[in-house]
Amino acid sequence: MPKFGVVRDEDEEEEMMQEEFPSSSSRRRNPKLKRRRTMITPADDDDDEEEDEFQEVIHDANHGDDMESRKEESSGVKVTLMDPDVLDCSICMEHLSPPVFQCENGHIACSKCCTKLRNKCPSCSWPIGYNRCLAIEKVIESIKISCAYQSYGCGETVSFVQKHKHEETCIYAPCRCPISDCDFRGSLKQMSIHFSAKHSSSGRRFQYNLPFSVSFGKLESYCVFQGEEDGRLFVLNNQIELIGSAITVTCLGPRSSSRGFSYELISRKGGSSLRMQSYTKCFQERPEESSSLEFLLVPYNFYCPDSGKLKLEICISSFARESE
């Protein structure tokens, strides 16, 4: 059951209360103060001006927070949300983020869905995309939530709006063990320890920037290598094609890794040789099939006729990624 930390600005809260619920004395001072209700009628065919205003609202909501610094009070309260789906768009089921719109009947939708539906509420067919639901936006902006990968070591607490973006690049995103009959999942560090302890005989240890040789049969779909310096895992994928084996090397880990890796593959037979140089792609689990268009295609006649194995020379290098 998710728990959220809500940051509360008491001064701002008091101003909103005064604006929304004037005191009886202020009503007496201004007898003309009355509650007014604005009825929204269905839009006409000429929607160009309304569409421009809608896009301006979206732009202001997306960039307004960059211009105003928000204070986080130490008096925040912890809230347990019994149904986290209430903060999701009921149409696309994604997390709501400002601007949030509502129709005259109170149905809520995100800005993307309003655009896709041409500003017509799917629940009641009333116009939607012109009235913002400021109450929901205020709640969303005040929520702080723990990363979904907290159990794997991430201690970050991020805003509800930035949760999905953070988790896409979180370095603690869990990886699945590359060994076929093992269901272990863990962070990069946990995976390194697990593989060394449980599967050391199933992998080949290597040193970066130093060539090493490996042999495997035609029906062996993968081989696992582990770096001696950092325990990082790499998978050689052997995909059977009509005229030969399509071979690639992938890295096990989150895509946000601060380090990148390149590799070189060489296959020899007599006086002939095949060579390929490329960069590894990061995956959180071993791919069943090669998703890369870059691979070394080795004809079957390069396999040793006696042992039925293919011998490859491999060199994996590590480098620091440039900061974006």
C-alpha atoms as a PDB file:
ATOM      1  CA  MET A   1       0.000   0.000   0.000  1.00  0.00           C
ATOM      2  CA  PRO A   2       1.804   3.179  -1.150  1.00  0.00           C
ATOM      3  CA  LYS A   3       2.627   5.883   1.364  1.00  0.00           C
ATOM      4  CA  PHE A   4       3.063   9.474   0.300  1.00  0.00           C
ATOM      5  CA  GLY A   5       4.660  12.457   1.999  1.00  0.00           C
ATOM      6  CA  VAL A   6       2.623  15.624   1.520  1.00  0.00           C
ATOM      7  CA  VAL A   7       4.342  18.999   1.901  1.00  0.00           C
ATOM      8  CA  ARG A   8       2.025  21.677   3.242  1.00  0.00           C
ATOM      9  CA  ASP A   9       2.493  25.453   2.916  1.00  0.00           C
ATOM     10  CA  GLU A  10       0.372  26.889   5.747  1.00  0.00           C
ATOM     11  CA  ASP A  11       0.436  30.533   4.562  1.00  0.00           C
ATOM     12  CA  GLU A  12      -0.619  29.583   1.057  1.00  0.00           C
ATOM     13  CA  GLU A  13      -3.266  27.275   2.478  1.00  0.00           C
ATOM     14  CA  GLU A  14      -4.710  30.089   4.598  1.00  0.00           C
ATOM     15  CA  GLU A  15      -4.889  32.408   1.560  1.00  0.00           C
ATOM     16  CA  MET A  16      -6.742  29.765  -0.447  1.00  0.00           C
ATOM     17  CA  MET A  17      -9.226  29.277   2.425  1.00  0.00           C
ATOM     18  CA  GLN A  18      -9.902  33.014   2.584  1.00  0.00           C
ATOM     19  CA  GLU A  19     -10.388  33.190  -1.180  1.00  0.00           C
ATOM     20  CA  GLU A  20     -12.666  30.173  -1.411  1.00  0.00           C
ATOM     21  CA  PHE A  21     -14.626  30.701   1.859  1.00  0.00           C
ATOM     22  CA  PRO A  22     -14.889  34.444   2.747  1.00  0.00           C
ATOM     23  CA  SER A  23     -15.846  35.199   6.329  1.00  0.00           C
ATOM     24  CA  SER A  24     -19.342  36.326   7.219  1.00  0.00           C
ATOM     25  CA  SER A  25     -18.023  39.834   7.984  1.00  0.00           C
ATOM     26  CA  SER A  26     -16.572  40.156   4.516  1.00  0.00           C
ATOM     27  CA  ARG A  27     -19.925  39.075   3.080  1.00  0.00           C
ATOM     28  CA  ARG A  28     -21.657  41.808   5.056  1.00  0.00           C
ATOM     29  CA  ARG A  29     -19.153  44.397   3.821  1.00  0.00           C
ATOM     30  CA  ASN A  30     -19.793  43.313   0.265  1.00  0.00           C
ATOM     31  CA  PRO A  31     -23.448  42.358  -0.019  1.00  0.00           C
ATOM     32  CA  LYS A  32     -23.091  41.922  -3.759  1.00  0.00           C
ATOM     33  CA  LEU A  33     -20.785  38.944  -3.246  1.00  0.00           C
ATOM     34  CA  LYS A  34     -22.675  35.971  -4.617  1.00  0.00           C
ATOM     35  CA  ARG A  35     -21.769  32.503  -5.796  1.00  0.00           C
ATOM     36  CA  ARG A  36     -21.790  32.361  -9.564  1.00  0.00           C
ATOM     37  CA  ARG A  37     -21.890  29.267 -11.717  1.00  0.00           C
ATOM     38  CA  THR A  38     -20.547  29.284 -15.249  1.00  0.00           C
ATOM     39  CA  MET A  39     -22.182  26.899 -17.671  1.00  0.00           C
ATOM     40  CA  ILE A  40     -19.992  25.501 -20.445  1.00  0.00           C
ATOM     41  CA  THR A  41     -21.851  24.848 -23.656  1.00  0.00           C
ATOM     42  CA  PRO A  42     -20.642  22.465 -26.373  1.00  0.00           C
ATOM     43  CA  ALA A  43     -17.996  23.960 -28.637  1.00  0.00           C
ATOM     44  CA  ASP A  44     -18.841  25.238 -32.113  1.00  0.00           C
ATOM     45  CA  ASP A  45     -17.070  24.153 -35.262  1.00  0.00           C
ATOM     46  CA  ASP A  46     -14.686  27.107 -35.053  1.00  0.00           C
ATOM     47  CA  ASP A  47     -12.248  25.743 -32.459  1.00  0.00           C
ATOM     48  CA  ASP A  48      -8.977  27.363 -33.569  1.00  0.00           C
ATOM     49  CA  GLU A  49      -8.907  30.055 -30.886  1.00  0.00           C
ATOM     50  CA  GLU A  50      -9.948  27.616 -28.151  1.00  0.00           C
ATOM     51  CA  GLU A  51      -7.266  25.135 -29.259  1.00  0.00           C
ATOM     52  CA  ASP A  52      -4.596  27.878 -29.055  1.00  0.00           C
ATOM     53  CA  GLU A  53      -5.734  28.795 -25.552  1.00  0.00           C
ATOM     54  CA  PHE A  54      -5.661  25.115 -24.561  1.00  0.00           C
ATOM     55  CA  GLN A  55      -2.059  24.741 -25.771  1.00  0.00           C
ATOM     56  CA  GLU A  56      -1.045  27.913 -23.877  1.00  0.00           C
ATOM     57  CA  VAL A  57      -2.484  26.483 -20.667  1.00  0.00           C
ATOM     58  CA  ILE A  58      -0.476  23.286 -21.149  1.00  0.00           C
ATOM     59  CA  HIS A  59       2.715  25.263 -21.791  1.00  0.00           C
ATOM     60  CA  ASP A  60       2.202  27.433 -18.700  1.00  0.00           C
ATOM     61  CA  ALA A  61       1.568  24.389 -16.504  1.00  0.00           C
ATOM     62  CA  ASN A  62       4.649  22.554 -17.752  1.00  0.00           C
ATOM     63  CA  HIS A  63       7.002  25.515 -17.337  1.00  0.00           C
ATOM     64  CA  GLY A  64       5.476  27.461 -14.480  1.00  0.00           C
ATOM     65  CA  ASP A  65       7.238  25.433 -11.795  1.00  0.00           C
ATOM     66  CA  ASP A  66      10.627  26.326 -13.290  1.00  0.00           C
ATOM     67  CA  MET A  67       9.975  30.018 -12.576  1.00  0.00           C
ATOM     68  CA  GLU A  68       8.718  29.641  -9.023  1.00  0.00           C
ATOM     69  CA  SER A  69      10.708  28.011  -6.250  1.00  0.00           C
ATOM     70  CA  ARG A  70       8.566  25.992  -3.895  1.00  0.00           C
ATOM     71  CA  LYS A  71       9.317  25.813  -0.171  1.00  0.00           C
ATOM     72  CA  GLU A  72       9.181  22.440   1.497  1.00  0.00           C
ATOM     73  CA  GLU A  73       8.179  22.778   5.133  1.00  0.00           C
ATOM     74  CA  SER A  74       9.504  20.368   7.723  1.00  0.00           C
ATOM     75  CA  SER A  75       5.950  20.035   9.001  1.00  0.00           C
ATOM     76  CA  GLY A  76       4.971  17.663   6.162  1.00  0.00           C
ATOM     77  CA  VAL A  77       2.514  14.942   7.056  1.00  0.00           C
ATOM     78  CA  LYS A  78       2.520  11.312   5.965  1.00  0.00           C
ATOM     79  CA  VAL A  79      -0.533  10.092   4.120  1.00  0.00           C
ATOM     80  CA  THR A  80      -1.532   6.538   3.236  1.00  0.00           C
ATOM     81  CA  LEU A  81      -3.432   6.425  -0.040  1.00  0.00           C
ATOM     82  CA  MET A  82      -5.830   3.488   0.004  1.00  0.00           C
ATOM     83  CA  ASP A  83      -6.473   3.610  -3.753  1.00  0.00           C
ATOM     84  CA  PRO A  84      -3.478   4.978  -5.727  1.00  0.00           C
ATOM     85  CA  ASP A  85      -5.501   4.763  -8.962  1.00  0.00           C
ATOM     86  CA  VAL A  86      -7.372   7.938  -8.013  1.00  0.00           C
ATOM     87  CA  LEU A  87      -4.260   9.854  -9.114  1.00  0.00           C
ATOM     88  CA  ASP A  88      -4.249   8.209 -12.541  1.00  0.00           C
ATOM     89  CA  CYS A  89      -6.006   9.496 -15.636  1.00  0.00           C
ATOM     90  CA  SER A  90      -9.185   7.434 -16.009  1.00  0.00           C
ATOM     91  CA  ILE A  91      -8.694   7.323 -19.782  1.00  0.00           C
ATOM     92  CA  CYS A  92      -5.036   6.410 -20.407  1.00  0.00           C
ATOM     93  CA  MET A  93      -4.396   5.107 -16.835  1.00  0.00           C
ATOM     94  CA  GLU A  94      -1.114   7.035 -16.635  1.00  0.00           C
ATOM     95  CA  HIS A  95      -0.133   9.158 -13.621  1.00  0.00           C
ATOM     96  CA  LEU A  96      -1.789  12.568 -13.682  1.00  0.00           C
ATOM     97  CA  SER A  97       0.456  15.598 -14.030  1.00  0.00           C
ATOM     98  CA  PRO A  98      -0.400  19.285 -14.415  1.00  0.00           C
ATOM     99  CA  PRO A  99      -2.344  20.545 -16.238  1.00  0.00           C
ATOM    100  CA  VAL A 100      -5.317  18.416 -15.195  1.00  0.00           C
ATOM    101  CA  PHE A 101      -8.702  19.250 -16.705  1.00  0.00           C
ATOM    102  CA  GLN A 102     -12.282  18.521 -15.705  1.00  0.00           C
ATOM    103  CA  CYS A 103     -15.607  18.777 -17.462  1.00  0.00           C
ATOM    104  CA  GLU A 104     -18.720  20.439 -16.060  1.00  0.00           C
ATOM    105  CA  ASN A 105     -19.707  17.153 -14.401  1.00  0.00           C
ATOM    106  CA  GLY A 106     -16.360  16.759 -12.637  1.00  0.00           C
ATOM    107  CA  HIS A 107     -14.819  14.041 -14.813  1.00  0.00           C
ATOM    108  CA  ILE A 108     -11.028  14.370 -14.918  1.00  0.00           C
ATOM    109  CA  ALA A 109      -8.555  13.818 -17.761  1.00  0.00           C
ATOM    110  CA  CYS A 110      -4.926  14.628 -18.525  1.00  0.00           C
ATOM    111  CA  SER A 111      -3.996  17.157 -21.203  1.00  0.00           C
ATOM    112  CA  LYS A 112      -2.868  14.483 -23.686  1.00  0.00           C
ATOM    113  CA  CYS A 113      -6.199  12.680 -23.534  1.00  0.00           C
ATOM    114  CA  CYS A 114      -8.110  15.948 -23.897  1.00  0.00           C
ATOM    115  CA  THR A 115      -6.242  16.590 -27.127  1.00  0.00           C
ATOM    116  CA  LYS A 116      -6.733  13.048 -28.437  1.00  0.00           C
ATOM    117  CA  LEU A 117     -10.452  13.141 -27.649  1.00  0.00           C
ATOM    118  CA  ARG A 118     -10.827  16.590 -29.237  1.00  0.00           C
ATOM    119  CA  ASN A 119     -11.926  18.071 -25.936  1.00  0.00           C
ATOM    120  CA  LYS A 120     -14.972  15.852 -25.566  1.00  0.00           C
ATOM    121  CA  CYS A 121     -15.447  14.026 -22.265  1.00  0.00           C
ATOM    122  CA  PRO A 122     -15.842  10.266 -22.925  1.00  0.00           C
ATOM    123  CA  SER A 123     -18.017   9.850 -19.831  1.00  0.00           C
ATOM    124  CA  CYS A 124     -20.683  12.476 -20.472  1.00  0.00           C
ATOM    125  CA  SER A 125     -19.813  14.055 -23.854  1.00  0.00           C
ATOM    126  CA  TRP A 126     -19.510  17.534 -22.313  1.00  0.00           C
ATOM    127  CA  PRO A 127     -16.550  19.725 -23.341  1.00  0.00           C
ATOM    128  CA  ILE A 128     -13.344  19.048 -21.438  1.00  0.00           C
ATOM    129  CA  GLY A 129      -9.944  20.701 -21.637  1.00  0.00           C
ATOM    130  CA  TYR A 130     -10.913  24.272 -20.742  1.00  0.00           C
ATOM    131  CA  ASN A 131     -11.390  24.151 -16.963  1.00  0.00           C
ATOM    132  CA  ARG A 132      -8.368  23.079 -14.928  1.00  0.00           C
ATOM    133  CA  CYS A 133      -8.859  21.076 -11.754  1.00  0.00           C
ATOM    134  CA  LEU A 134      -6.575  23.121  -9.525  1.00  0.00           C
ATOM    135  CA  ALA A 135      -7.396  21.113  -6.389  1.00  0.00           C
ATOM    136  CA  ILE A 136      -6.091  17.872  -7.900  1.00  0.00           C
ATOM    137  CA  GLU A 137      -3.058  19.682  -9.335  1.00  0.00           C
ATOM    138  CA  LYS A 138      -2.253  21.040  -5.867  1.00  0.00           C
ATOM    139  CA  VAL A 139      -2.478  17.571  -4.342  1.00  0.00           C
ATOM    140  CA  ILE A 140      -0.276  16.033  -7.045  1.00  0.00           C
ATOM    141  CA  GLU A 141       2.392  18.735  -6.728  1.00  0.00           C
ATOM    142  CA  SER A 142       2.577  18.272  -2.956  1.00  0.00           C
ATOM    143  CA  ILE A 143       3.095  14.490  -2.996  1.00  0.00           C
ATOM    144  CA  LYS A 144       6.531  12.956  -2.478  1.00  0.00           C
ATOM    145  CA  ILE A 145       6.887   9.230  -3.076  1.00  0.00           C
ATOM    146  CA  SER A 146       9.631   6.646  -2.619  1.00  0.00           C
ATOM    147  CA  CYS A 147      11.187   5.015  -5.661  1.00  0.00           C
ATOM    148  CA  ALA A 148       9.624   1.692  -6.631  1.00  0.00           C
ATOM    149  CA  TYR A 149      13.110   0.169  -6.399  1.00  0.00           C
ATOM    150  CA  GLN A 150      13.553   1.069  -2.739  1.00  0.00           C
ATOM    151  CA  SER A 151      13.903  -2.606  -1.805  1.00  0.00           C
ATOM    152  CA  TYR A 152      16.842  -2.867  -4.229  1.00  0.00           C
ATOM    153  CA  GLY A 153      18.768  -0.028  -2.595  1.00  0.00           C
ATOM    154  CA  CYS A 154      17.367   3.244  -3.948  1.00  0.00           C
ATOM    155  CA  GLY A 155      16.795   5.804  -1.212  1.00  0.00           C
ATOM    156  CA  GLU A 156      15.454   8.575  -3.450  1.00  0.00           C
ATOM    157  CA  THR A 157      12.186  10.331  -2.639  1.00  0.00           C
ATOM    158  CA  VAL A 158      10.822  12.111  -5.683  1.00  0.00           C
ATOM    159  CA  SER A 159       7.736  14.106  -6.580  1.00  0.00           C
ATOM    160  CA  PHE A 160       4.756  12.118  -7.813  1.00  0.00           C
ATOM    161  CA  VAL A 161       4.998  13.827 -11.202  1.00  0.00           C
ATOM    162  CA  GLN A 162       8.667  12.832 -11.652  1.00  0.00           C
ATOM    163  CA  LYS A 163       8.269   9.256 -10.374  1.00  0.00           C
ATOM    164  CA  HIS A 164       8.056   7.557 -13.777  1.00  0.00           C
ATOM    165  CA  LYS A 165      10.925   9.583 -15.229  1.00  0.00           C
ATOM    166  CA  HIS A 166      13.150   8.756 -12.241  1.00  0.00           C
ATOM    167  CA  GLU A 167      12.436   5.034 -12.390  1.00  0.00           C
ATOM    168  CA  GLU A 168      13.308   4.913 -16.087  1.00  0.00           C
ATOM    169  CA  THR A 169      16.860   6.043 -15.264  1.00  0.00           C
ATOM    170  CA  CYS A 170      17.253   4.635 -11.737  1.00  0.00           C
ATOM    171  CA  ILE A 171      20.580   2.823 -11.328  1.00  0.00           C
ATOM    172  CA  TYR A 172      18.906   0.429  -8.867  1.00  0.00           C
ATOM    173  CA  ALA A 173      16.444  -0.922 -11.428  1.00  0.00           C
ATOM    174  CA  PRO A 174      16.470  -4.718 -10.881  1.00  0.00           C
ATOM    175  CA  CYS A 175      18.042  -7.135 -13.332  1.00  0.00           C
ATOM    176  CA  ARG A 176      17.095 -10.759 -13.843  1.00  0.00           C
ATOM    177  CA  CYS A 177      19.713 -13.481 -13.604  1.00  0.00           C
ATOM    178  CA  PRO A 178      20.826 -14.540 -17.117  1.00  0.00           C
ATOM    179  CA  ILE A 179      20.893 -18.241 -16.216  1.00  0.00           C
ATOM    180  CA  SER A 180      17.787 -19.849 -17.715  1.00  0.00           C
ATOM    181  CA  ASP A 181      16.507 -21.768 -14.685  1.00  0.00           C
ATOM    182  CA  CYS A 182      17.222 -19.016 -12.100  1.00  0.00           C
ATOM    183  CA  ASP A 183      14.547 -16.485 -11.098  1.00  0.00           C
ATOM    184  CA  PHE A 184      16.742 -14.211  -9.007  1.00  0.00           C
ATOM    185  CA  ARG A 185      16.227 -10.457  -9.436  1.00  0.00           C
ATOM    186  CA  GLY A 186      18.384  -7.757  -7.917  1.00  0.00           C
ATOM    187  CA  SER A 187      20.277  -4.533  -8.394  1.00  0.00           C
ATOM    188  CA  LEU A 188      23.507  -4.466 -10.353  1.00  0.00           C
ATOM    189  CA  LYS A 189      25.568  -4.972  -7.190  1.00  0.00           C
ATOM    190  CA  GLN A 190      23.251  -7.684  -5.865  1.00  0.00           C
ATOM    191  CA  MET A 191      23.360  -9.483  -9.214  1.00  0.00           C
ATOM    192  CA  SER A 192      27.158  -9.465  -9.241  1.00  0.00           C
ATOM    193  CA  ILE A 193      27.293 -11.028  -5.771  1.00  0.00           C
ATOM    194  CA  HIS A 194      24.578 -13.559  -6.637  1.00  0.00           C
ATOM    195  CA  PHE A 195      26.255 -14.721  -9.841  1.00  0.00           C
ATOM    196  CA  SER A 196      29.663 -15.096  -8.178  1.00  0.00           C
ATOM    197  CA  ALA A 197      28.163 -17.139  -5.351  1.00  0.00           C
ATOM    198  CA  LYS A 198      25.676 -19.304  -7.269  1.00  0.00           C
ATOM    199  CA  HIS A 199      26.818 -19.532 -10.890  1.00  0.00           C
ATOM    200  CA  SER A 200      30.589 -19.066 -10.947  1.00  0.00           C
ATOM    201  CA  SER A 201      31.002 -22.313 -12.884  1.00  0.00           C
ATOM    202  CA  SER A 202      28.484 -21.182 -15.520  1.00  0.00           C
ATOM    203  CA  GLY A 203      30.342 -18.034 -16.550  1.00  0.00           C
ATOM    204  CA  ARG A 204      33.735 -16.963 -17.830  1.00  0.00           C
ATOM    205  CA  ARG A 205      35.680 -14.263 -15.976  1.00  0.00           C
ATOM    206  CA  PHE A 206      37.658 -11.742 -18.020  1.00  0.00           C
ATOM    207  CA  GLN A 207      39.626  -8.496 -17.770  1.00  0.00           C
ATOM    208  CA  TYR A 208      38.700  -5.368 -19.681  1.00  0.00           C
ATOM    209  CA  ASN A 209      40.833  -4.474 -22.719  1.00  0.00           C
ATOM    210  CA  LEU A 210      42.430  -7.955 -22.784  1.00  0.00           C
ATOM    211  CA  PRO A 211      41.396 -10.466 -25.496  1.00  0.00           C
ATOM    212  CA  PHE A 212      40.149 -13.902 -24.443  1.00  0.00           C
ATOM    213  CA  SER A 213      38.828 -16.946 -26.303  1.00  0.00           C
ATOM    214  CA  VAL A 214      35.561 -18.807 -25.927  1.00  0.00           C
ATOM    215  CA  SER A 215      34.129 -21.883 -27.682  1.00  0.00           C
ATOM    216  CA  PHE A 216      30.478 -22.897 -27.911  1.00  0.00           C
ATOM    217  CA  GLY A 217      28.279 -25.270 -29.883  1.00  0.00           C
ATOM    218  CA  LYS A 218      25.748 -24.400 -32.527  1.00  0.00           C
ATOM    219  CA  LEU A 219      22.802 -25.046 -30.207  1.00  0.00           C
ATOM    220  CA  GLU A 220      24.213 -23.077 -27.262  1.00  0.00           C
ATOM    221  CA  SER A 221      22.150 -19.889 -27.356  1.00  0.00           C
ATOM    222  CA  TYR A 222      24.211 -17.831 -24.910  1.00  0.00           C
ATOM    223  CA  CYS A 223      27.401 -17.552 -22.866  1.00  0.00           C
ATOM    224  CA  VAL A 224      27.895 -15.369 -19.773  1.00  0.00           C
ATOM    225  CA  PHE A 225      31.047 -13.373 -18.968  1.00  0.00           C
ATOM    226  CA  GLN A 226      31.835 -11.564 -15.716  1.00  0.00           C
ATOM    227  CA  GLY A 227      34.323  -8.713 -15.362  1.00  0.00           C
ATOM    228  CA  GLU A 228      36.985  -9.300 -12.721  1.00  0.00           C
ATOM    229  CA  GLU A 229      37.271  -5.620 -11.824  1.00  0.00           C
ATOM    230  CA  ASP A 230      33.613  -4.759 -11.216  1.00  0.00           C
ATOM    231  CA  GLY A 231      31.674  -8.047 -11.431  1.00  0.00           C
ATOM    232  CA  ARG A 232      29.632  -6.713 -14.354  1.00  0.00           C
ATOM    233  CA  LEU A 233      27.840  -9.372 -16.417  1.00  0.00           C
ATOM    234  CA  PHE A 234      27.836  -9.633 -20.212  1.00  0.00           C
ATOM    235  CA  VAL A 235      25.944 -12.078 -22.397  1.00  0.00           C
ATOM    236  CA  LEU A 236      27.085 -13.423 -25.755  1.00  0.00           C
ATOM    237  CA  ASN A 237      23.951 -14.207 -27.767  1.00  0.00           C
ATOM    238  CA  ASN A 238      24.121 -16.901 -30.445  1.00  0.00           C
ATOM    239  CA  GLN A 239      21.082 -16.806 -32.706  1.00  0.00           C
ATOM    240  CA  ILE A 240      20.723 -19.516 -35.330  1.00  0.00           C
ATOM    241  CA  GLU A 241      20.055 -18.203 -38.844  1.00  0.00           C
ATOM    242  CA  LEU A 242      19.643 -19.983 -42.167  1.00  0.00           C
ATOM    243  CA  ILE A 243      23.260 -19.548 -43.296  1.00  0.00           C
ATOM    244  CA  GLY A 244      25.069 -19.159 -39.997  1.00  0.00           C
ATOM    245  CA  SER A 245      25.158 -17.836 -36.421  1.00  0.00           C
ATOM    246  CA  ALA A 246      24.260 -14.189 -35.668  1.00  0.00           C
ATOM    247  CA  ILE A 247      26.415 -13.217 -32.680  1.00  0.00           C
ATOM    248  CA  THR A 248      26.110 -10.148 -30.451  1.00  0.00           C
ATOM    249  CA  VAL A 249      27.279  -9.126 -26.971  1.00  0.00           C
ATOM    250  CA  THR A 250      24.937  -7.351 -24.554  1.00  0.00           C
ATOM    251  CA  CYS A 251      25.460  -5.887 -21.085  1.00  0.00           C
ATOM    252  CA  LEU A 252      23.273  -6.779 -18.107  1.00  0.00           C
ATOM    253  CA  GLY A 253      22.237  -3.666 -16.244  1.00  0.00           C
ATOM    254  CA  PRO A 254      20.083  -0.511 -16.249  1.00  0.00           C
ATOM    255  CA  ARG A 255      20.262   1.753 -19.275  1.00  0.00           C
ATOM    256  CA  SER A 256      21.333   4.685 -17.111  1.00  0.00           C
ATOM    257  CA  SER A 257      24.735   3.168 -16.351  1.00  0.00           C
ATOM    258  CA  SER A 258      27.488   5.764 -16.070  1.00  0.00           C
ATOM    259  CA  ARG A 259      29.859   3.531 -18.026  1.00  0.00           C
ATOM    260  CA  GLY A 260      29.673   2.278 -21.586  1.00  0.00           C
ATOM    261  CA  PHE A 261      31.253  -0.794 -23.164  1.00  0.00           C
ATOM    262  CA  SER A 262      32.544  -1.689 -26.596  1.00  0.00           C
ATOM    263  CA  TYR A 263      33.519  -5.110 -27.872  1.00  0.00           C
ATOM    264  CA  GLU A 264      35.361  -6.791 -30.698  1.00  0.00           C
ATOM    265  CA  LEU A 265      34.609 -10.255 -32.105  1.00  0.00           C
ATOM    266  CA  ILE A 266      36.993 -12.243 -34.309  1.00  0.00           C
ATOM    267  CA  SER A 267      36.334 -15.632 -35.877  1.00  0.00           C
ATOM    268  CA  ARG A 268      39.090 -17.428 -37.799  1.00  0.00           C
ATOM    269  CA  LYS A 269      39.262 -20.403 -40.113  1.00  0.00           C
ATOM    270  CA  GLY A 270      42.478 -21.186 -41.914  1.00  0.00           C
ATOM    271  CA  GLY A 271      43.637 -18.004 -43.606  1.00  0.00           C
ATOM    272  CA  SER A 272      40.186 -16.380 -43.425  1.00  0.00           C
ATOM    273  CA  SER A 273      38.846 -14.264 -40.595  1.00  0.00           C
ATOM    274  CA  LEU A 274      35.664 -12.348 -39.724  1.00  0.00           C
ATOM    275  CA  ARG A 275      35.867  -9.284 -37.495  1.00  0.00           C
ATOM    276  CA  MET A 276      33.298  -6.976 -35.903  1.00  0.00           C
ATOM    277  CA  GLN A 277      33.517  -3.982 -33.562  1.00  0.00           C
ATOM    278  CA  SER A 278      30.480  -2.506 -31.854  1.00  0.00           C
ATOM    279  CA  TYR A 279      29.025  -1.107 -28.605  1.00  0.00           C
ATOM    280  CA  THR A 280      27.003  -3.123 -26.128  1.00  0.00           C
ATOM    281  CA  LYS A 281      23.381  -2.344 -25.329  1.00  0.00           C
ATOM    282  CA  CYS A 282      22.143  -2.633 -21.755  1.00  0.00           C
ATOM    283  CA  PHE A 283      19.253  -4.930 -20.870  1.00  0.00           C
ATOM    284  CA  GLN A 284      17.717  -5.758 -17.504  1.00  0.00           C
ATOM    285  CA  GLU A 285      17.368  -9.383 -18.543  1.00  0.00           C
ATOM    286  CA  ARG A 286      18.937 -11.644 -21.112  1.00  0.00           C
ATOM    287  CA  PRO A 287      17.205 -11.131 -24.474  1.00  0.00           C
ATOM    288  CA  GLU A 288      15.768 -14.334 -25.899  1.00  0.00           C
ATOM    289  CA  GLU A 289      16.473 -13.093 -29.406  1.00  0.00           C
ATOM    290  CA  SER A 290      18.892 -10.517 -30.707  1.00  0.00           C
ATOM    291  CA  SER A 291      17.110  -7.168 -31.097  1.00  0.00           C
ATOM    292  CA  SER A 292      20.153  -5.512 -32.640  1.00  0.00           C
ATOM    293  CA  LEU A 293      20.715  -4.934 -36.327  1.00  0.00           C
ATOM    294  CA  GLU A 294      24.444  -5.115 -35.655  1.00  0.00           C
ATOM    295  CA  PHE A 295      25.790  -8.645 -35.352  1.00  0.00           C
ATOM    296  CA  LEU A 296      28.571 -10.847 -36.609  1.00  0.00           C
ATOM    297  CA  LEU A 297      27.237 -13.456 -39.022  1.00  0.00           C
ATOM    298  CA  VAL A 298      29.505 -16.519 -38.906  1.00  0.00           C
ATOM    299  CA  PRO A 299      28.884 -19.219 -41.567  1.00  0.00           C
ATOM    300  CA  TYR A 300      28.457 -22.749 -40.277  1.00  0.00           C
ATOM    301  CA  ASN A 301      31.616 -23.919 -42.052  1.00  0.00           C
ATOM    302  CA  PHE A 302      33.603 -21.880 -39.487  1.00  0.00           C
ATOM    303  CA  TYR A 303      32.542 -24.391 -36.836  1.00  0.00           C
ATOM    304  CA  CYS A 304      35.125 -27.062 -36.085  1.00  0.00           C
ATOM    305  CA  PRO A 305      33.986 -30.271 -37.875  1.00  0.00           C
ATOM    306  CA  ASP A 306      35.424 -32.512 -35.136  1.00  0.00           C
ATOM    307  CA  SER A 307      34.096 -30.805 -32.001  1.00  0.00           C
ATOM    308  CA  GLY A 308      31.149 -29.012 -33.577  1.00  0.00           C
ATOM    309  CA  LYS A 309      32.142 -25.841 -31.744  1.00  0.00           C
ATOM    310  CA  LEU A 310      32.858 -22.305 -32.870  1.00  0.00           C
ATOM    311  CA  LYS A 311      35.897 -20.516 -31.440  1.00  0.00           C
ATOM    312  CA  LEU A 312      35.734 -16.755 -31.001  1.00  0.00           C
ATOM    313  CA  GLU A 313      38.237 -14.170 -29.806  1.00  0.00           C
ATOM    314  CA  ILE A 314      36.563 -11.473 -27.736  1.00  0.00           C
ATOM    315  CA  CYS A 315      37.792  -8.201 -26.271  1.00  0.00           C
ATOM    316  CA  ILE A 316      35.498  -6.018 -24.117  1.00  0.00           C
ATOM    317  CA  SER A 317      36.516  -2.456 -23.247  1.00  0.00           C
ATOM    318  CA  SER A 318      35.053  -0.024 -20.717  1.00  0.00           C
ATOM    319  CA  PHE A 319      34.769   3.759 -20.994  1.00  0.00           C
ATOM    320  CA  ALA A 320      33.034   6.607 -19.163  1.00  0.00           C
ATOM    321  CA  ARG A 321      29.909   7.959 -20.822  1.00  0.00           C
ATOM    322  CA  GLU A 322      29.747  11.642 -21.598  1.00  0.00           C
ATOM    323  CA  SER A 323      27.334  13.470 -19.346  1.00  0.00           C
ATOM    324  CA  GLU A 324      24.232  14.589 -21.195  1.00  0.00           C
END
